[in-house]
Protein backbone atom coordinates (compact mmCIF):
# COMPACT_ATOMS: atom_id res chain seq x y z
CA UNK A 1 -82.55 127.51 4.30
CA UNK A 2 -83.37 126.60 0.73
CA UNK A 3 -81.71 129.43 -1.17
CA UNK A 4 -78.32 129.41 -2.85
CA UNK A 5 -74.95 130.07 -1.22
CA UNK A 6 -72.08 132.11 -2.70
CA UNK A 7 -68.54 132.01 -1.30
CA UNK A 8 -66.64 135.02 -2.61
CA UNK A 9 -63.59 134.75 -0.35
CA UNK A 10 -62.43 133.17 2.88
CA UNK A 11 -63.75 129.87 4.24
CA UNK A 12 -67.30 128.79 4.95
CA UNK A 13 -67.05 125.86 7.34
CA UNK A 14 -69.81 123.33 7.90
CA UNK A 15 -69.48 121.90 11.43
CA UNK A 16 -66.83 122.55 14.04
CA UNK A 17 -65.36 119.09 14.45
CA UNK A 18 -67.60 118.12 17.34
CA UNK A 19 -71.05 118.91 15.94
CA UNK A 20 -72.45 118.48 12.49
CA UNK A 21 -73.78 121.63 10.86
CA UNK A 22 -75.62 122.01 7.56
CA UNK A 23 -75.82 124.30 4.55
CA UNK A 24 -78.68 125.51 2.41
CA UNK A 25 -80.06 123.17 -0.22
CA UNK A 26 -79.69 125.58 -3.14
CA UNK A 27 -76.81 126.05 -5.60
CA UNK A 28 -73.42 126.63 -3.95
CA UNK A 29 -71.25 128.99 -5.99
CA UNK A 30 -67.54 129.21 -5.07
CA UNK A 31 -65.70 132.08 -6.72
CA UNK A 32 -62.89 132.78 -4.27
CA UNK A 33 -62.30 130.89 -1.06
CA UNK A 34 -63.21 127.47 0.25
CA UNK A 35 -66.17 125.42 1.33
CA UNK A 36 -64.93 123.39 4.28
CA UNK A 37 -66.53 120.43 6.05
CA UNK A 38 -65.44 119.77 9.61
CA UNK A 39 -67.84 117.13 10.86
CA UNK A 40 -67.19 114.24 13.25
CA UNK A 41 -69.13 111.80 11.08
CA UNK A 42 -69.24 110.76 7.42
CA UNK A 43 -71.22 113.15 5.25
CA UNK A 44 -72.67 112.95 1.73
CA UNK A 45 -72.84 116.33 -0.01
CA UNK A 46 -76.16 116.54 -1.84
CA UNK A 47 -75.99 120.21 -2.83
CA UNK A 48 -74.87 121.33 -6.30
CA UNK A 49 -71.44 123.03 -6.32
CA UNK A 50 -70.41 125.47 -9.04
CA UNK A 51 -66.72 126.49 -8.97
CA UNK A 52 -65.43 129.36 -11.13
CA UNK A 53 -61.96 130.30 -12.37
CA UNK A 54 -60.58 133.34 -10.54
CA UNK A 55 -57.23 134.62 -9.37
CA UNK A 56 -57.75 132.68 -6.14
CA UNK A 57 -58.63 129.09 -6.85
CA UNK A 58 -61.96 128.01 -5.35
CA UNK A 59 -61.79 124.88 -3.27
CA UNK A 60 -63.42 122.25 -1.07
CA UNK A 61 -61.81 121.19 2.19
CA UNK A 62 -62.35 117.96 4.08
CA UNK A 63 -61.53 118.32 7.76
CA UNK A 64 -62.58 116.49 10.88
CA UNK A 65 -62.74 112.74 11.40
CA UNK A 66 -65.63 112.01 9.04
CA UNK A 67 -65.33 111.06 5.36
CA UNK A 68 -66.76 113.75 3.08
CA UNK A 69 -68.34 112.28 -0.09
CA UNK A 70 -69.29 114.32 -3.14
CA UNK A 71 -71.12 113.02 -6.19
CA UNK A 72 -69.30 114.54 -9.17
CA UNK A 73 -72.69 115.13 -10.75
CA UNK A 74 -73.12 117.88 -8.16
CA UNK A 75 -70.09 119.76 -9.56
CA UNK A 76 -71.25 122.16 -12.30
CA UNK A 77 -68.20 123.74 -13.94
CA UNK A 78 -67.96 126.93 -15.92
CA UNK A 79 -65.50 126.96 -18.83
CA UNK A 80 -61.87 126.79 -17.69
CA UNK A 81 -62.92 126.44 -14.07
CA UNK A 82 -60.44 125.47 -11.37
CA UNK A 83 -61.13 123.54 -8.22
CA UNK A 84 -58.84 122.75 -5.32
CA UNK A 85 -59.37 119.84 -2.96
CA UNK A 86 -57.75 120.46 0.42
CA UNK A 87 -58.11 120.17 4.15
CA UNK A 88 -56.57 117.91 6.76
CA UNK A 89 -59.13 115.09 6.63
CA UNK A 90 -60.53 112.62 4.12
CA UNK A 91 -62.76 113.18 1.13
CA UNK A 92 -63.93 111.27 -1.92
CA UNK A 93 -65.47 112.19 -5.25
CA UNK A 94 -67.63 109.61 -7.00
CA UNK A 95 -68.87 109.78 -10.58
CA UNK A 96 -67.27 111.84 -13.35
CA UNK A 97 -65.89 115.33 -12.84
CA UNK A 98 -66.75 117.44 -15.89
CA UNK A 99 -67.43 114.62 -18.35
CA UNK A 100 -66.01 116.31 -21.44
CA UNK A 101 -67.76 119.67 -21.10
CA UNK A 102 -65.21 121.77 -19.25
CA UNK A 103 -61.49 122.36 -19.39
CA UNK A 104 -61.36 122.04 -15.63
CA UNK A 105 -58.12 122.27 -13.68
CA UNK A 106 -57.81 120.17 -10.54
CA UNK A 107 -55.45 120.98 -7.68
CA UNK A 108 -54.82 118.96 -4.53
CA UNK A 109 -53.28 120.91 -1.62
CA UNK A 110 -52.92 120.69 2.17
CA UNK A 111 -52.17 117.52 4.12
CA UNK A 112 -55.44 115.58 3.77
CA UNK A 113 -56.38 112.69 1.50
CA UNK A 114 -58.86 112.90 -1.37
CA UNK A 115 -59.83 110.03 -3.65
CA UNK A 116 -61.32 110.13 -7.15
CA UNK A 117 -63.34 106.96 -7.61
CA UNK A 118 -65.12 107.60 -10.92
CA UNK A 119 -64.18 107.74 -14.60
CA UNK A 120 -63.47 111.44 -14.88
CA UNK A 121 -63.76 113.52 -18.05
CA UNK A 122 -62.13 116.85 -17.15
CA UNK A 123 -59.40 117.83 -19.61
CA UNK A 124 -57.32 120.36 -17.72
CA UNK A 125 -54.11 119.51 -15.83
CA UNK A 126 -53.98 117.87 -12.41
CA UNK A 127 -51.50 119.16 -9.83
CA UNK A 128 -50.79 117.54 -6.48
CA UNK A 129 -49.14 120.25 -4.39
CA UNK A 130 -49.54 118.63 -0.98
CA UNK A 131 -51.27 115.73 0.72
CA UNK A 132 -52.45 112.64 -1.12
CA UNK A 133 -54.63 112.14 -4.17
CA UNK A 134 -55.86 108.56 -4.58
CA UNK A 135 -57.03 107.76 -8.10
CA UNK A 136 -59.12 104.62 -7.88
CA UNK A 137 -61.12 105.41 -11.00
CA UNK A 138 -59.56 107.20 -13.98
CA UNK A 139 -58.38 110.71 -14.83
CA UNK A 140 -56.81 109.84 -18.20
CA UNK A 141 -58.62 112.71 -19.96
CA UNK A 142 -56.60 115.17 -17.89
CA UNK A 143 -53.81 117.03 -19.68
CA UNK A 144 -51.30 115.43 -17.30
CA UNK A 145 -50.49 114.94 -13.64
CA UNK A 146 -47.73 116.82 -11.81
CA UNK A 147 -46.76 115.53 -8.37
CA UNK A 148 -44.91 118.33 -6.62
CA UNK A 149 -42.39 117.75 -3.79
CA UNK A 150 -45.05 117.78 -1.06
CA UNK A 151 -47.59 115.67 -2.94
CA UNK A 152 -48.46 111.97 -3.09
CA UNK A 153 -50.17 110.10 -5.93
CA UNK A 154 -51.64 106.71 -5.03
CA UNK A 155 -54.53 104.42 -5.96
CA UNK A 156 -55.50 101.52 -8.21
CA UNK A 157 -56.85 103.55 -11.12
CA UNK A 158 -55.57 105.02 -14.37
CA UNK A 159 -53.75 108.33 -14.84
CA UNK A 160 -52.33 110.23 -17.86
CA UNK A 161 -48.75 111.43 -18.44
CA UNK A 162 -47.07 111.73 -15.08
CA UNK A 163 -44.29 114.03 -13.86
CA UNK A 164 -43.09 113.22 -10.34
CA UNK A 165 -41.07 115.39 -7.98
CA UNK A 166 -42.90 114.16 -4.90
CA UNK A 167 -44.06 110.66 -3.96
CA UNK A 168 -45.54 108.02 -6.23
CA UNK A 169 -47.22 105.31 -4.13
CA UNK A 170 -49.12 103.01 -6.51
CA UNK A 171 -51.97 100.85 -5.29
CA UNK A 172 -53.78 100.86 -2.03
CA UNK A 173 -52.14 98.42 0.37
CA UNK A 174 -51.08 97.17 -2.19
CA UNK A 175 -52.46 97.48 -5.71
CA UNK A 176 -51.94 98.03 -9.41
CA UNK A 177 -51.90 101.44 -11.08
CA UNK A 178 -51.99 102.23 -14.80
CA UNK A 179 -50.33 105.17 -16.52
CA UNK A 180 -51.81 105.78 -19.96
CA UNK A 181 -48.84 107.77 -21.13
CA UNK A 182 -45.28 108.23 -19.91
CA UNK A 183 -43.71 108.70 -16.49
CA UNK A 184 -40.77 110.93 -15.65
CA UNK A 185 -39.15 110.96 -12.22
CA UNK A 186 -37.34 114.20 -11.43
CA UNK A 187 -34.82 115.01 -8.68
CA UNK A 188 -35.76 113.70 -5.22
CA UNK A 189 -38.79 111.82 -6.49
CA UNK A 190 -39.78 108.85 -4.34
CA UNK A 191 -41.52 105.62 -5.31
CA UNK A 192 -43.09 103.82 -2.35
CA UNK A 193 -43.45 100.12 -3.12
CA UNK A 194 -45.21 97.74 -0.74
CA UNK A 195 -44.80 93.99 -0.16
CA UNK A 196 -47.12 92.42 2.41
CA UNK A 197 -45.39 89.15 3.31
CA UNK A 198 -42.35 86.91 2.83
CA UNK A 199 -43.22 85.79 -0.71
CA UNK A 200 -43.06 86.65 -4.38
CA UNK A 201 -46.84 86.47 -4.50
CA UNK A 202 -49.26 88.02 -6.96
CA UNK A 203 -48.63 91.40 -8.55
CA UNK A 204 -51.27 93.94 -7.56
CA UNK A 205 -52.43 91.78 -4.67
CA UNK A 206 -49.36 90.92 -2.61
CA UNK A 207 -47.19 93.74 -3.93
CA UNK A 208 -47.54 97.00 -5.86
CA UNK A 209 -47.23 97.30 -9.60
CA UNK A 210 -47.33 100.04 -12.24
CA UNK A 211 -48.33 99.50 -15.90
CA UNK A 212 -47.14 102.19 -18.32
CA UNK A 213 -48.22 102.48 -21.95
CA UNK A 214 -45.48 105.00 -22.74
CA UNK A 215 -41.90 105.50 -21.55
CA UNK A 216 -40.43 105.42 -18.06
CA UNK A 217 -37.59 107.87 -17.43
CA UNK A 218 -35.54 108.34 -14.28
CA UNK A 219 -34.02 111.65 -15.26
CA UNK A 220 -32.59 112.40 -11.81
CA UNK A 221 -31.79 110.50 -8.60
CA UNK A 222 -34.96 108.70 -7.50
CA UNK A 223 -35.60 106.88 -4.23
CA UNK A 224 -37.25 103.46 -4.41
CA UNK A 225 -38.59 102.95 -0.89
CA UNK A 226 -39.35 99.30 -0.12
CA UNK A 227 -42.18 99.40 2.40
CA UNK A 228 -41.93 96.11 4.30
CA UNK A 229 -43.74 97.34 7.40
CA UNK A 230 -46.88 95.24 6.83
CA UNK A 231 -45.52 91.78 7.60
CA UNK A 232 -42.12 91.17 6.01
CA UNK A 233 -39.61 89.48 8.34
CA UNK A 234 -35.95 89.65 7.19
CA UNK A 235 -35.17 86.64 9.41
CA UNK A 236 -37.62 84.37 7.56
CA UNK A 237 -36.09 81.50 5.56
CA UNK A 238 -37.65 82.99 2.43
CA UNK A 239 -34.86 85.57 2.37
CA UNK A 240 -32.14 82.92 2.19
CA UNK A 241 -33.09 82.30 -1.45
CA UNK A 242 -32.17 84.53 -4.37
CA UNK A 243 -34.82 86.21 -6.55
CA UNK A 244 -33.03 87.25 -9.72
CA UNK A 245 -34.03 88.46 -13.17
CA UNK A 246 -37.67 87.89 -14.01
CA UNK A 247 -38.01 85.66 -10.94
CA UNK A 248 -38.11 88.82 -8.84
CA UNK A 249 -41.00 91.24 -8.31
CA UNK A 250 -42.25 93.12 -11.39
CA UNK A 251 -42.39 96.79 -10.40
CA UNK A 252 -43.13 98.27 -13.83
CA UNK A 253 -44.59 96.80 -17.01
CA UNK A 254 -43.63 99.17 -19.82
CA UNK A 255 -44.78 99.36 -23.44
CA UNK A 256 -42.26 102.07 -24.31
CA UNK A 257 -38.59 102.55 -23.44
CA UNK A 258 -36.88 102.51 -20.05
CA UNK A 259 -34.03 104.93 -19.39
CA UNK A 260 -32.04 106.21 -16.43
CA UNK A 261 -32.54 103.18 -14.17
CA UNK A 262 -29.04 103.72 -12.76
CA UNK A 263 -30.49 106.79 -10.99
CA UNK A 264 -32.55 104.53 -8.69
CA UNK A 265 -31.42 104.33 -5.05
CA UNK A 266 -33.09 101.79 -2.75
CA UNK A 267 -34.22 102.43 0.82
CA UNK A 268 -35.96 99.93 3.12
CA UNK A 269 -38.68 100.51 5.72
CA UNK A 270 -39.27 97.72 8.26
CA UNK A 271 -41.74 97.40 11.10
CA UNK A 272 -38.78 96.71 13.42
CA UNK A 273 -35.94 99.12 12.56
CA UNK A 274 -33.47 96.94 14.47
CA UNK A 275 -33.82 94.20 11.85
CA UNK A 276 -31.94 94.08 8.55
CA UNK A 277 -31.57 91.88 5.49
CA UNK A 278 -28.54 89.63 4.99
CA UNK A 279 -28.75 90.16 1.23
CA UNK A 280 -28.84 93.01 -1.25
CA UNK A 281 -31.75 94.42 -3.28
CA UNK A 282 -31.29 95.74 -6.81
CA UNK A 283 -33.32 96.46 -9.95
CA UNK A 284 -33.23 94.38 -13.11
CA UNK A 285 -34.42 95.85 -16.41
CA UNK A 286 -35.72 93.61 -19.17
CA UNK A 287 -36.99 94.69 -22.58
CA UNK A 288 -40.42 95.62 -21.24
CA UNK A 289 -40.29 95.61 -17.44
CA UNK A 290 -38.43 96.64 -14.32
CA UNK A 291 -38.01 93.99 -11.60
CA UNK A 292 -36.89 94.15 -8.00
CA UNK A 293 -34.22 91.51 -7.36
CA UNK A 294 -32.74 90.09 -4.18
CA UNK A 295 -29.36 88.41 -3.72
CA UNK A 296 -28.46 86.75 -0.39
CA UNK A 297 -24.90 85.57 0.43
CA UNK A 298 -24.00 82.39 -1.51
CA UNK A 299 -22.82 79.26 0.31
CA UNK A 300 -20.62 76.40 -1.00
CA UNK A 301 -21.92 73.98 -3.67
CA UNK A 302 -24.33 71.48 -2.13
CA UNK A 303 -26.73 70.07 -4.72
CA UNK A 304 -28.03 70.17 -8.27
CA UNK A 305 -31.22 71.78 -9.51
CA UNK A 306 -32.82 71.50 -12.96
CA UNK A 307 -32.98 74.98 -14.42
CA UNK A 308 -34.42 74.08 -17.84
CA UNK A 309 -36.57 70.97 -17.98
CA UNK A 310 -35.97 68.55 -20.87
CA UNK A 311 -38.79 67.63 -23.21
CA UNK A 312 -39.12 64.08 -24.50
CA UNK A 313 -39.00 63.36 -28.22
CA UNK A 314 -38.52 60.43 -30.57
CA UNK A 315 -37.00 57.50 -28.69
CA UNK A 316 -33.26 57.30 -29.29
CA UNK A 317 -32.93 60.75 -30.86
CA UNK A 318 -31.62 64.08 -29.51
CA UNK A 319 -34.06 65.64 -27.07
CA UNK A 320 -35.86 68.60 -28.70
CA UNK A 321 -35.47 70.66 -25.53
CA UNK A 322 -32.12 70.11 -23.85
CA UNK A 323 -31.80 70.33 -20.06
CA UNK A 324 -29.80 72.91 -18.14
CA UNK A 325 -28.73 72.01 -14.61
CA UNK A 326 -27.40 74.45 -12.03
CA UNK A 327 -25.15 73.94 -9.04
CA UNK A 328 -26.73 75.51 -5.95
CA UNK A 329 -25.94 75.97 -2.28
CA UNK A 330 -27.97 74.51 0.57
CA UNK A 331 -30.58 77.27 0.16
CA UNK A 332 -31.02 76.74 -3.57
CA UNK A 333 -28.94 79.73 -4.72
CA UNK A 334 -26.86 79.33 -7.85
CA UNK A 335 -23.12 79.02 -7.13
CA UNK A 336 -21.62 81.01 -9.99
CA UNK A 337 -18.07 79.80 -9.24
CA UNK A 338 -18.99 76.11 -9.69
CA UNK A 339 -17.55 74.14 -12.63
CA UNK A 340 -18.66 70.58 -11.80
CA UNK A 341 -19.10 67.86 -14.42
CA UNK A 342 -22.76 66.80 -14.46
CA UNK A 343 -23.80 63.39 -15.79
CA UNK A 344 -27.27 62.39 -17.09
CA UNK A 345 -28.72 58.88 -16.78
CA UNK A 346 -31.97 56.92 -17.11
CA UNK A 347 -33.24 53.76 -15.44
CA UNK A 348 -33.17 50.66 -17.68
CA UNK A 349 -34.65 49.74 -20.05
CA UNK A 350 -34.57 53.43 -20.94
CA UNK A 351 -31.15 54.78 -21.91
CA UNK A 352 -29.33 58.04 -22.58
CA UNK A 353 -26.80 58.58 -25.35
CA UNK A 354 -24.91 61.25 -27.21
CA UNK A 355 -23.66 63.97 -24.87
CA UNK A 356 -24.37 62.45 -21.46
CA UNK A 357 -22.05 64.80 -19.53
CA UNK A 358 -21.81 68.60 -19.41
CA UNK A 359 -19.49 70.89 -17.45
CA UNK A 360 -20.94 73.79 -15.47
CA UNK A 361 -19.94 77.29 -16.54
CA UNK A 362 -20.72 79.99 -13.96
CA UNK A 363 -22.64 77.32 -12.07
CA UNK A 364 -24.84 76.14 -14.97
CA UNK A 365 -24.36 73.10 -17.22
CA UNK A 366 -26.43 73.09 -20.40
CA UNK A 367 -26.57 69.91 -22.48
CA UNK A 368 -26.61 70.35 -26.27
CA UNK A 369 -26.63 66.81 -27.66
CA UNK A 370 -28.27 64.59 -25.05
CA UNK A 371 -30.16 61.66 -26.57
CA UNK A 372 -32.69 59.57 -24.67
CA UNK A 373 -35.22 56.86 -25.30
CA UNK A 374 -37.19 54.06 -23.74
CA UNK A 375 -40.53 52.28 -23.80
CA UNK A 376 -43.48 54.43 -24.86
CA UNK A 377 -46.78 54.76 -23.00
CA UNK A 378 -44.99 55.38 -19.73
CA UNK A 379 -43.04 58.24 -18.16
CA UNK A 380 -39.31 58.45 -17.55
CA UNK A 381 -37.22 60.65 -15.28
CA UNK A 382 -33.70 61.74 -16.19
CA UNK A 383 -31.28 61.67 -13.26
CA UNK A 384 -28.46 64.20 -12.95
CA UNK A 385 -25.45 63.60 -10.74
CA UNK A 386 -22.13 65.24 -9.86
CA UNK A 387 -19.38 64.04 -7.56
CA UNK A 388 -19.86 65.24 -3.99
CA UNK A 389 -23.25 66.88 -4.61
CA UNK A 390 -26.83 65.80 -4.05
CA UNK A 391 -28.39 64.92 -7.37
CA UNK A 392 -31.51 66.16 -9.13
CA UNK A 393 -34.06 64.69 -11.49
CA UNK A 394 -36.16 66.05 -14.31
CA UNK A 395 -39.89 66.24 -14.45
CA UNK A 396 -41.43 63.13 -16.08
CA UNK A 397 -40.99 62.94 -19.85
CA UNK A 398 -42.41 60.60 -22.49
CA UNK A 399 -41.03 59.27 -25.77
CA UNK A 400 -42.64 58.59 -29.10
CA UNK A 401 -41.77 55.49 -31.14
CA UNK A 402 -38.33 55.62 -32.71
CA UNK A 403 -37.07 54.52 -36.11
CA UNK A 404 -37.46 50.84 -37.10
CA UNK A 405 -34.47 48.85 -35.90
CA UNK A 406 -35.14 45.13 -35.82
CA UNK A 407 -37.50 42.19 -35.52
CA UNK A 408 -38.80 40.67 -32.31
CA UNK A 409 -40.65 37.39 -31.75
CA UNK A 410 -43.88 38.16 -29.96
CA UNK A 411 -45.01 34.50 -30.30
CA UNK A 412 -42.47 31.68 -30.74
CA UNK A 413 -43.12 28.88 -33.26
CA UNK A 414 -44.21 25.51 -31.79
CA UNK A 415 -41.88 24.66 -28.93
CA UNK A 416 -41.99 23.14 -25.48
CA UNK A 417 -44.88 20.68 -25.15
CA UNK A 418 -46.28 21.84 -28.53
CA UNK A 419 -43.27 20.56 -30.52
CA UNK A 420 -43.57 19.93 -34.24
CA UNK A 421 -44.78 16.95 -36.22
CA UNK A 422 -42.66 16.59 -39.31
CA UNK A 423 -44.44 17.88 -42.40
CA UNK A 424 -47.52 19.20 -40.59
CA UNK A 425 -48.45 22.86 -40.03
CA UNK A 426 -46.92 24.15 -36.79
CA UNK A 427 -49.55 24.16 -34.09
CA UNK A 428 -48.22 27.54 -32.87
CA UNK A 429 -47.43 29.93 -35.70
CA UNK A 430 -44.78 32.66 -35.11
CA UNK A 431 -45.77 36.33 -34.71
CA UNK A 432 -43.10 38.93 -35.53
CA UNK A 433 -43.04 42.60 -34.44
CA UNK A 434 -41.17 45.44 -36.13
CA UNK A 435 -39.61 47.46 -33.28
CA UNK A 436 -37.28 50.35 -32.54
CA UNK A 437 -34.15 49.81 -30.43
CA UNK A 438 -36.24 49.99 -27.24
CA UNK A 439 -38.72 47.31 -28.31
CA UNK A 440 -41.53 49.70 -29.21
CA UNK A 441 -43.74 48.35 -31.98
CA UNK A 442 -43.80 50.47 -35.15
CA UNK A 443 -47.59 50.51 -35.44
CA UNK A 444 -47.43 52.86 -38.42
CA UNK A 445 -45.60 50.22 -40.49
CA UNK A 446 -47.81 48.48 -43.07
CA UNK A 447 -45.17 47.89 -45.75
CA UNK A 448 -42.26 45.85 -44.37
CA UNK A 449 -42.00 42.30 -45.67
CA UNK A 450 -40.77 39.59 -43.26
CA UNK A 451 -39.18 36.38 -44.52
CA UNK A 452 -38.84 33.12 -42.60
CA UNK A 453 -36.05 30.57 -43.21
CA UNK A 454 -34.32 27.65 -41.54
CA UNK A 455 -31.51 28.97 -39.37
CA UNK A 456 -29.99 25.76 -38.03
CA UNK A 457 -30.62 22.00 -37.74
CA UNK A 458 -29.58 18.85 -39.69
CA UNK A 459 -31.59 17.57 -42.63
CA UNK A 460 -34.45 20.00 -42.14
CA UNK A 461 -36.68 22.00 -44.50
CA UNK A 462 -39.13 24.85 -43.86
CA UNK A 463 -42.32 24.85 -45.92
CA UNK A 464 -45.49 26.93 -46.25
CA UNK A 465 -45.92 30.71 -46.63
CA UNK A 466 -42.48 32.04 -45.76
CA UNK A 467 -42.99 35.71 -46.77
CA UNK A 468 -45.53 37.88 -44.93
CA UNK A 469 -46.30 41.64 -45.08
CA UNK A 470 -46.76 43.39 -41.77
CA UNK A 471 -49.94 45.11 -40.64
CA UNK A 472 -49.61 47.82 -37.96
CA UNK A 473 -46.03 46.65 -37.39
CA UNK A 474 -46.90 42.95 -36.90
CA UNK A 475 -46.35 39.94 -39.20
CA UNK A 476 -48.46 36.85 -38.47
CA UNK A 477 -47.40 33.62 -40.21
CA UNK A 478 -50.24 31.22 -41.00
CA UNK A 479 -49.08 27.86 -42.38
CA UNK A 480 -45.39 27.28 -41.70
CA UNK A 481 -44.41 23.60 -41.39
CA UNK A 482 -41.13 21.92 -40.56
CA UNK A 483 -39.83 18.73 -42.20
CA UNK A 484 -37.02 17.14 -40.26
CA UNK A 485 -35.64 14.12 -38.48
CA UNK A 486 -37.49 12.99 -35.39
CA UNK A 487 -35.58 14.10 -32.32
CA UNK A 488 -33.64 16.86 -34.07
CA UNK A 489 -33.89 20.51 -32.98
CA UNK A 490 -34.30 23.32 -35.51
CA UNK A 491 -34.20 27.13 -35.21
CA UNK A 492 -36.06 29.50 -37.53
CA UNK A 493 -34.68 32.82 -38.76
CA UNK A 494 -36.87 35.87 -39.47
CA UNK A 495 -35.50 38.82 -41.48
CA UNK A 496 -36.54 42.01 -43.25
CA UNK A 497 -34.55 44.43 -45.42
CA UNK A 498 -32.48 46.92 -43.39
CA UNK A 499 -33.50 45.50 -40.01
CA UNK A 500 -31.80 43.26 -37.47
CA UNK A 501 -33.18 39.69 -37.79
CA UNK A 502 -34.32 37.48 -34.96
CA UNK A 503 -33.98 33.72 -34.33
CA UNK A 504 -36.51 31.46 -32.67
CA UNK A 505 -35.94 29.08 -29.79
CA UNK A 506 -35.24 25.45 -30.85
CA UNK A 507 -38.18 23.47 -32.19
CA UNK A 508 -37.88 19.66 -31.89
CA UNK A 509 -39.51 17.36 -34.44
CA UNK A 510 -41.28 14.44 -32.78
CA UNK A 511 -43.69 11.87 -34.21
CA UNK A 512 -45.11 11.30 -30.67
CA UNK A 513 -45.52 14.93 -29.84
CA UNK A 514 -43.17 14.80 -26.86
CA UNK A 515 -40.47 17.42 -26.99
CA UNK A 516 -37.40 18.22 -24.87
CA UNK A 517 -36.44 21.83 -25.65
CA UNK A 518 -34.11 24.53 -24.45
CA UNK A 519 -36.65 27.11 -23.21
CA UNK A 520 -34.23 30.07 -23.18
CA UNK A 521 -35.22 32.98 -25.46
CA UNK A 522 -33.02 34.14 -28.27
CA UNK A 523 -32.73 37.93 -28.56
CA UNK A 524 -32.46 39.83 -31.83
CA UNK A 525 -29.02 39.49 -33.42
CA UNK A 526 -27.53 39.59 -36.92
CA UNK A 527 -28.34 36.53 -39.02
CA UNK A 528 -25.81 33.75 -38.62
CA UNK A 529 -25.21 34.16 -34.85
């Protein structure tokens, strides 16, 4: 029939659970009573529904095995209308219920499951008396949500201020729910939190999370039920390792304050009730979040682990970020009773200095004055060791050039087969580098002045340009010559103010050009050595 339908009291049921059944295509007005669907298949309601506020709340029931779907655009509310969603089956409302034009009140009762998938605009309160209301869209315009002892709130959407006496089950196997307001858990409230596997994983994907823009208050004893029935195995090696502090699972992210967390009691649901965890679960509260933590039994000290990675700095200076190293058992858990001395080292030519040893306190040794340096343009790894324990190493670090320290001969003056002819310009002119203590060239130096002089040798004299300014940390002599006795060996000294000098290898004066020299290199040392 094409006329309207009015339900004044009682229940008008469409279908009997085994056959479908239909209703007229006109306006459906529900004053008292319920419109119930009991069909064996999914059904899309295309008729327009008009609920009214009366002493007995009008409602829509979803029964049977089929999913009942209602486009919210088909719900035409009168002012201050109420509407109850009930039944034993499943139903969903798409679109927006009363987008800003009605102070509608929404009630969920009976054992079934209804989901709101749209961005809803109704402004009245929402009460979940029984069954489950999944909010996968948003109902933030509502005056607030009350979850009574028999009710369940779930879903991945956004809700307003929330008062819970029943069950709060965020997400949808699992998911992330937002509360645009505050949450208060009253006596006997239950939070069902799901983790799908033996991992920390991704919040909202591998485990449930709740974001709250206001405060979170546990005013009375509240059960936190850890639902591990989807694939968590307490015997997996994952559970031999601690998950403490912010390294645990973030249950709540909170913009406001967190109070009453001591009222939380933890229960665990496993697929196999005969299994159990060897460790203990607890909650950790930071400034803006609540985390689930896990602590297994701790074994004896076995190895070291870098807790805070060092950051490289200027070669030879104190590291800008100092390392912290923890003593752990064979499973990587911090041994809080450990007080081992931990020593830092580097592979030559890199070196450590300053505070190279630190003693663990409560299982953690934090360095405060560790210095390190080495060649630039390559990576270095700091080694940490302790007697009787397996060592650890840092992530690769790099150094920048340190302070100028001394001079280094990059090119020796004429020596070996080159020799020197008395009074003539040396065929191989010396090249001097300004370096830090690790031999890194100070390429930013364009001001240092390097002087050359005769260091040793009988009856010799050095001539030519003996003072050169560096460019990009390098001094290149151009016309040095050596006057001396044929057959005698002479060494040249190179110096600069405030820096360690360097001395060349012996240069032999020969009229024939044949030279017999000591080919060993002379390293930088104070002048006169």
